[in-house]
Amino acid sequence: MTMNICIEVFVKGNFCNVGKFTPSGRAKDAIKDMNNVLDMSSILSKIISMVPFFQIFAGKNSFLGVATASASYNVRTYEWQAFADAVNGIELVKKERLFFIATQAELYSVGEERKFWRCVSNAL
């Protein structure tokens, strides 16, 4: 059992070749799921990247000097580490979700299709 875990870790990130195969309906659904994860994570990344600008500059309708000073203070005191953690978390969740979809698809596949999903999960 331990040997298999070591082999999986060693193989992680390697690529492989797959022969011709016709994707099953389940494989097509898994690919749709993966595309959905990619689309949603892209949208979430864009939304998250706008949060600091809204929090720093929103509601600054006072005099220009006061608004600039307030924004300057907000930039210095903003929780940049929390922001970085949130952005990095999106990537981590995306990768984990894609890996989950690929490994589930591998479990329910046979032949070259199974080999394809194994390659996908190893590439992640």
N, C-alpha and C. Protein backbone atom coordinates (compact mmCIF):
# COMPACT_ATOMS: atom_id res chain seq x y z
N MET A 1 0.82 -1.19 0.00
CA MET A 1 0.00 0.00 0.00
C MET A 1 0.87 1.26 0.00
N THR A 2 1.86 1.31 0.86
CA THR A 2 2.75 2.46 0.92
C THR A 2 3.49 2.63 -0.40
N MET A 3 3.86 1.52 -1.01
CA MET A 3 4.58 1.59 -2.28
C MET A 3 3.72 2.24 -3.36
N ASN A 4 2.44 1.92 -3.42
CA ASN A 4 1.55 2.54 -4.40
C ASN A 4 1.46 4.04 -4.19
N ILE A 5 1.39 4.47 -2.95
CA ILE A 5 1.32 5.91 -2.67
C ILE A 5 2.59 6.58 -3.14
N CYS A 6 3.74 5.97 -2.88
CA CYS A 6 5.01 6.55 -3.33
C CYS A 6 5.07 6.63 -4.85
N ILE A 7 4.57 5.61 -5.51
CA ILE A 7 4.57 5.61 -6.98
C ILE A 7 3.66 6.70 -7.51
N GLU A 8 2.48 6.87 -6.91
CA GLU A 8 1.57 7.92 -7.36
C GLU A 8 2.21 9.30 -7.21
N VAL A 9 2.87 9.54 -6.08
CA VAL A 9 3.50 10.83 -5.86
C VAL A 9 4.63 11.03 -6.87
N PHE A 10 5.40 9.98 -7.14
CA PHE A 10 6.49 10.06 -8.09
C PHE A 10 5.98 10.36 -9.50
N VAL A 11 4.86 9.76 -9.88
CA VAL A 11 4.32 9.93 -11.22
C VAL A 11 3.64 11.29 -11.39
N LYS A 12 3.20 11.90 -10.29
CA LYS A 12 2.45 13.15 -10.34
C LYS A 12 3.16 14.18 -11.20
N GLY A 13 2.44 14.80 -12.12
CA GLY A 13 2.99 15.84 -12.97
C GLY A 13 3.60 15.32 -14.25
N ASN A 14 3.70 14.01 -14.42
CA ASN A 14 4.22 13.45 -15.66
C ASN A 14 3.10 13.34 -16.69
N PHE A 15 3.48 13.40 -17.94
CA PHE A 15 2.52 13.30 -19.03
C PHE A 15 2.69 11.95 -19.71
N CYS A 16 1.69 11.53 -20.45
CA CYS A 16 1.75 10.25 -21.13
C CYS A 16 1.01 10.33 -22.46
N ASN A 17 1.13 9.29 -23.25
CA ASN A 17 0.47 9.22 -24.54
C ASN A 17 -0.76 8.32 -24.46
N VAL A 18 -1.79 8.71 -25.17
CA VAL A 18 -3.04 7.95 -25.19
C VAL A 18 -3.37 7.63 -26.63
N GLY A 19 -3.81 6.40 -26.87
CA GLY A 19 -4.23 6.03 -28.22
C GLY A 19 -5.61 6.59 -28.55
N LYS A 20 -6.09 6.28 -29.74
CA LYS A 20 -7.40 6.77 -30.18
C LYS A 20 -8.51 6.13 -29.36
N PHE A 21 -9.51 6.93 -29.05
CA PHE A 21 -10.71 6.41 -28.41
C PHE A 21 -11.85 7.38 -28.66
N THR A 22 -13.05 6.85 -28.59
CA THR A 22 -14.24 7.68 -28.72
C THR A 22 -14.77 7.95 -27.31
N PRO A 23 -14.84 9.21 -26.91
CA PRO A 23 -15.28 9.51 -25.55
C PRO A 23 -16.72 9.05 -25.31
N SER A 24 -16.93 8.46 -24.16
CA SER A 24 -18.27 8.03 -23.78
C SER A 24 -19.08 9.25 -23.35
N GLY A 25 -20.36 9.04 -23.14
CA GLY A 25 -21.21 10.12 -22.64
C GLY A 25 -20.74 10.61 -21.29
N ARG A 26 -20.31 9.70 -20.44
CA ARG A 26 -19.80 10.07 -19.11
C ARG A 26 -18.53 10.92 -19.24
N ALA A 27 -17.68 10.59 -20.20
CA ALA A 27 -16.45 11.38 -20.42
C ALA A 27 -16.80 12.78 -20.91
N LYS A 28 -17.78 12.86 -21.80
CA LYS A 28 -18.21 14.18 -22.29
C LYS A 28 -18.80 15.02 -21.15
N ASP A 29 -19.54 14.38 -20.26
CA ASP A 29 -20.09 15.09 -19.10
C ASP A 29 -18.97 15.58 -18.19
N ALA A 30 -17.96 14.75 -17.98
CA ALA A 30 -16.83 15.14 -17.13
C ALA A 30 -16.09 16.32 -17.74
N ILE A 31 -15.93 16.31 -19.06
CA ILE A 31 -15.26 17.43 -19.74
C ILE A 31 -16.09 18.70 -19.59
N LYS A 32 -17.42 18.59 -19.70
CA LYS A 32 -18.29 19.75 -19.48
C LYS A 32 -18.14 20.27 -18.05
N ASP A 33 -18.09 19.34 -17.09
CA ASP A 33 -17.91 19.74 -15.69
C ASP A 33 -16.59 20.47 -15.49
N MET A 34 -15.53 19.96 -16.12
CA MET A 34 -14.22 20.60 -15.99
C MET A 34 -14.23 21.99 -16.62
N ASN A 35 -14.87 22.12 -17.77
CA ASN A 35 -14.97 23.44 -18.40
C ASN A 35 -15.76 24.40 -17.53
N ASN A 36 -16.81 23.90 -16.87
CA ASN A 36 -17.61 24.73 -15.98
C ASN A 36 -16.77 25.21 -14.79
N VAL A 37 -15.96 24.32 -14.23
CA VAL A 37 -15.06 24.70 -13.12
C VAL A 37 -14.10 25.79 -13.59
N LEU A 38 -13.54 25.63 -14.77
CA LEU A 38 -12.61 26.63 -15.30
C LEU A 38 -13.30 27.97 -15.51
N ASP A 39 -14.49 27.95 -16.08
CA ASP A 39 -15.24 29.19 -16.31
C ASP A 39 -15.58 29.89 -15.00
N MET A 40 -16.10 29.12 -14.05
CA MET A 40 -16.52 29.71 -12.77
C MET A 40 -15.33 30.24 -11.98
N SER A 41 -14.21 29.54 -12.02
CA SER A 41 -13.03 30.02 -11.29
C SER A 41 -12.48 31.29 -11.93
N SER A 42 -12.59 31.39 -13.24
CA SER A 42 -12.16 32.61 -13.93
C SER A 42 -13.04 33.79 -13.54
N ILE A 43 -14.34 33.57 -13.50
CA ILE A 43 -15.26 34.64 -13.10
C ILE A 43 -15.00 35.04 -11.65
N LEU A 44 -14.84 34.06 -10.78
CA LEU A 44 -14.59 34.34 -9.37
C LEU A 44 -13.28 35.12 -9.19
N SER A 45 -12.26 34.76 -9.94
CA SER A 45 -10.98 35.47 -9.85
C SER A 45 -11.15 36.94 -10.24
N LYS A 46 -11.94 37.19 -11.27
CA LYS A 46 -12.18 38.57 -11.71
C LYS A 46 -12.95 39.35 -10.65
N ILE A 47 -13.94 38.71 -10.05
CA ILE A 47 -14.72 39.39 -9.02
C ILE A 47 -13.85 39.69 -7.80
N ILE A 48 -13.09 38.69 -7.36
CA ILE A 48 -12.22 38.87 -6.18
C ILE A 48 -11.19 39.97 -6.43
N SER A 49 -10.68 40.06 -7.65
CA SER A 49 -9.66 41.07 -7.93
C SER A 49 -10.21 42.49 -7.85
N MET A 50 -11.52 42.65 -7.97
CA MET A 50 -12.13 43.97 -7.88
C MET A 50 -12.45 44.38 -6.45
N VAL A 51 -12.49 43.45 -5.52
CA VAL A 51 -12.88 43.74 -4.14
C VAL A 51 -12.04 44.83 -3.49
N PRO A 52 -10.70 44.78 -3.58
CA PRO A 52 -9.93 45.85 -2.91
C PRO A 52 -10.26 47.24 -3.44
N PHE A 53 -10.49 47.38 -4.73
CA PHE A 53 -10.78 48.69 -5.29
C PHE A 53 -12.09 49.25 -4.75
N PHE A 54 -13.10 48.39 -4.64
CA PHE A 54 -14.36 48.84 -4.08
C PHE A 54 -14.22 49.18 -2.60
N GLN A 55 -13.50 48.36 -1.86
CA GLN A 55 -13.36 48.61 -0.43
C GLN A 55 -12.50 49.84 -0.14
N ILE A 56 -11.54 50.12 -0.98
CA ILE A 56 -10.65 51.25 -0.75
C ILE A 56 -11.28 52.55 -1.23
N PHE A 57 -11.93 52.53 -2.39
CA PHE A 57 -12.39 53.78 -3.01
C PHE A 57 -13.89 54.02 -2.93
N ALA A 58 -14.68 53.03 -2.58
CA ALA A 58 -16.14 53.19 -2.57
C ALA A 58 -16.57 54.17 -1.49
N GLY A 59 -17.55 54.99 -1.83
CA GLY A 59 -18.13 55.91 -0.86
C GLY A 59 -17.26 57.10 -0.53
N LYS A 60 -16.35 57.45 -1.38
CA LYS A 60 -15.46 58.59 -1.15
C LYS A 60 -15.95 59.81 -1.93
N ASN A 61 -17.14 60.29 -1.59
CA ASN A 61 -17.74 61.42 -2.33
C ASN A 61 -17.46 62.77 -1.67
N SER A 62 -16.53 62.82 -0.73
CA SER A 62 -16.22 64.08 -0.07
C SER A 62 -15.21 64.87 -0.90
N PHE A 63 -14.62 65.88 -0.30
CA PHE A 63 -13.63 66.69 -1.00
C PHE A 63 -12.49 65.83 -1.52
N LEU A 64 -11.91 66.26 -2.63
CA LEU A 64 -10.85 65.49 -3.29
C LEU A 64 -9.68 65.18 -2.35
N GLY A 65 -9.22 66.17 -1.58
CA GLY A 65 -8.09 65.96 -0.67
C GLY A 65 -8.40 64.94 0.41
N VAL A 66 -9.59 65.01 0.97
CA VAL A 66 -10.00 64.07 2.02
C VAL A 66 -10.14 62.67 1.43
N ALA A 67 -10.74 62.58 0.26
CA ALA A 67 -10.92 61.28 -0.39
C ALA A 67 -9.57 60.64 -0.71
N THR A 68 -8.63 61.44 -1.20
CA THR A 68 -7.31 60.93 -1.54
C THR A 68 -6.57 60.46 -0.28
N ALA A 69 -6.63 61.24 0.78
CA ALA A 69 -5.98 60.85 2.03
C ALA A 69 -6.61 59.59 2.60
N SER A 70 -7.92 59.51 2.54
CA SER A 70 -8.62 58.34 3.05
C SER A 70 -8.25 57.10 2.24
N ALA A 71 -8.22 57.22 0.93
CA ALA A 71 -7.86 56.10 0.06
C ALA A 71 -6.42 55.67 0.31
N SER A 72 -5.54 56.64 0.52
CA SER A 72 -4.15 56.33 0.80
C SER A 72 -4.02 55.54 2.10
N TYR A 73 -4.76 55.95 3.12
CA TYR A 73 -4.75 55.22 4.39
C TYR A 73 -5.30 53.81 4.19
N ASN A 74 -6.39 53.68 3.44
CA ASN A 74 -7.01 52.37 3.20
C ASN A 74 -6.06 51.44 2.45
N VAL A 75 -5.29 51.96 1.52
CA VAL A 75 -4.34 51.13 0.77
C VAL A 75 -3.27 50.59 1.71
N ARG A 76 -2.79 51.43 2.63
CA ARG A 76 -1.75 51.00 3.57
C ARG A 76 -2.27 49.98 4.58
N THR A 77 -3.51 50.12 4.99
CA THR A 77 -4.04 49.26 6.05
C THR A 77 -4.86 48.09 5.53
N TYR A 78 -5.01 47.99 4.22
CA TYR A 78 -5.83 46.91 3.66
C TYR A 78 -5.20 45.55 3.98
N GLU A 79 -6.02 44.57 4.15
CA GLU A 79 -5.56 43.21 4.47
C GLU A 79 -5.04 42.52 3.21
N TRP A 80 -3.86 42.89 2.76
CA TRP A 80 -3.32 42.36 1.52
C TRP A 80 -3.00 40.88 1.61
N GLN A 81 -2.58 40.42 2.78
CA GLN A 81 -2.29 38.98 2.93
C GLN A 81 -3.56 38.17 2.80
N ALA A 82 -4.65 38.65 3.40
CA ALA A 82 -5.93 37.95 3.28
C ALA A 82 -6.40 37.94 1.82
N PHE A 83 -6.17 39.05 1.14
CA PHE A 83 -6.52 39.13 -0.28
C PHE A 83 -5.71 38.12 -1.09
N ALA A 84 -4.41 38.05 -0.84
CA ALA A 84 -3.54 37.09 -1.55
C ALA A 84 -3.97 35.66 -1.26
N ASP A 85 -4.32 35.39 0.00
CA ASP A 85 -4.78 34.05 0.36
C ASP A 85 -6.06 33.69 -0.37
N ALA A 86 -6.97 34.66 -0.51
CA ALA A 86 -8.23 34.41 -1.22
C ALA A 86 -7.99 34.11 -2.69
N VAL A 87 -7.11 34.89 -3.31
CA VAL A 87 -6.80 34.66 -4.73
C VAL A 87 -6.13 33.30 -4.93
N ASN A 88 -5.17 32.97 -4.06
CA ASN A 88 -4.49 31.68 -4.16
C ASN A 88 -5.43 30.53 -3.85
N GLY A 89 -6.38 30.76 -2.99
CA GLY A 89 -7.36 29.74 -2.65
C GLY A 89 -8.22 29.34 -3.83
N ILE A 90 -8.52 30.29 -4.69
CA ILE A 90 -9.31 29.99 -5.89
C ILE A 90 -8.57 28.98 -6.75
N GLU A 91 -7.28 29.20 -6.95
CA GLU A 91 -6.48 28.28 -7.77
C GLU A 91 -6.42 26.90 -7.14
N LEU A 92 -6.25 26.86 -5.84
CA LEU A 92 -6.16 25.59 -5.14
C LEU A 92 -7.47 24.80 -5.25
N VAL A 93 -8.57 25.47 -5.02
CA VAL A 93 -9.88 24.80 -5.12
C VAL A 93 -10.14 24.35 -6.56
N LYS A 94 -9.78 25.19 -7.52
CA LYS A 94 -9.96 24.82 -8.93
C LYS A 94 -9.19 23.55 -9.26
N LYS A 95 -7.93 23.52 -8.85
CA LYS A 95 -7.09 22.36 -9.14
C LYS A 95 -7.62 21.10 -8.46
N GLU A 96 -8.03 21.24 -7.21
CA GLU A 96 -8.56 20.08 -6.48
C GLU A 96 -9.85 19.58 -7.12
N ARG A 97 -10.70 20.49 -7.55
CA ARG A 97 -11.97 20.10 -8.18
C ARG A 97 -11.72 19.41 -9.52
N LEU A 98 -10.80 19.94 -10.32
CA LEU A 98 -10.47 19.31 -11.60
C LEU A 98 -9.89 17.91 -11.38
N PHE A 99 -9.02 17.79 -10.38
CA PHE A 99 -8.44 16.49 -10.05
C PHE A 99 -9.53 15.51 -9.64
N PHE A 100 -10.48 15.95 -8.83
CA PHE A 100 -11.58 15.10 -8.39
C PHE A 100 -12.40 14.61 -9.59
N ILE A 101 -12.73 15.51 -10.50
CA ILE A 101 -13.51 15.13 -11.68
C ILE A 101 -12.75 14.11 -12.52
N ALA A 102 -11.46 14.36 -12.73
CA ALA A 102 -10.64 13.45 -13.54
C ALA A 102 -10.52 12.07 -12.90
N THR A 103 -10.31 12.02 -11.59
CA THR A 103 -10.18 10.71 -10.93
C THR A 103 -11.51 9.95 -10.90
N GLN A 104 -12.62 10.67 -10.75
CA GLN A 104 -13.93 10.02 -10.80
C GLN A 104 -14.19 9.47 -12.20
N ALA A 105 -13.84 10.24 -13.21
CA ALA A 105 -14.02 9.79 -14.60
C ALA A 105 -13.14 8.56 -14.87
N GLU A 106 -11.95 8.55 -14.31
CA GLU A 106 -11.06 7.41 -14.48
C GLU A 106 -11.66 6.15 -13.86
N LEU A 107 -12.27 6.29 -12.71
CA LEU A 107 -12.87 5.13 -12.03
C LEU A 107 -13.97 4.46 -12.87
N TYR A 108 -14.67 5.26 -13.64
CA TYR A 108 -15.81 4.74 -14.41
C TYR A 108 -15.48 4.54 -15.89
N SER A 109 -14.20 4.50 -16.22
CA SER A 109 -13.78 4.33 -17.61
C SER A 109 -13.00 3.04 -17.77
N VAL A 110 -12.82 2.65 -19.03
CA VAL A 110 -12.02 1.47 -19.36
C VAL A 110 -11.14 1.79 -20.56
N GLY A 111 -10.12 1.00 -20.75
CA GLY A 111 -9.26 1.10 -21.94
C GLY A 111 -8.53 2.43 -22.06
N GLU A 112 -8.49 2.91 -23.29
CA GLU A 112 -7.76 4.15 -23.58
C GLU A 112 -8.41 5.36 -22.91
N GLU A 113 -9.72 5.32 -22.74
CA GLU A 113 -10.38 6.42 -22.04
C GLU A 113 -9.91 6.50 -20.59
N ARG A 114 -9.77 5.35 -19.97
CA ARG A 114 -9.26 5.32 -18.59
C ARG A 114 -7.83 5.85 -18.54
N LYS A 115 -7.04 5.45 -19.52
CA LYS A 115 -5.67 5.93 -19.60
C LYS A 115 -5.64 7.45 -19.79
N PHE A 116 -6.56 7.96 -20.60
CA PHE A 116 -6.68 9.41 -20.82
C PHE A 116 -6.94 10.14 -19.48
N TRP A 117 -7.91 9.65 -18.71
CA TRP A 117 -8.24 10.31 -17.45
C TRP A 117 -7.11 10.19 -16.43
N ARG A 118 -6.39 9.07 -16.46
CA ARG A 118 -5.23 8.93 -15.59
C ARG A 118 -4.17 9.97 -15.95
N CYS A 119 -3.97 10.16 -17.24
CA CYS A 119 -3.01 11.19 -17.70
C CYS A 119 -3.45 12.58 -17.28
N VAL A 120 -4.74 12.85 -17.40
CA VAL A 120 -5.26 14.16 -16.99
C VAL A 120 -5.03 14.39 -15.50
N SER A 121 -5.38 13.39 -14.68
CA SER A 121 -5.20 13.57 -13.23
C SER A 121 -3.72 13.67 -12.86
N ASN A 122 -2.86 12.94 -13.55
CA ASN A 122 -1.41 13.06 -13.29
C ASN A 122 -0.87 14.42 -13.70
N ALA A 123 -1.45 15.00 -14.74
CA ALA A 123 -1.00 16.32 -15.20
C ALA A 123 -1.41 17.42 -14.22
N LEU A 124 -2.45 17.15 -13.45
CA LEU A 124 -2.90 18.15 -12.49
C LEU A 124 -2.05 18.10 -11.26
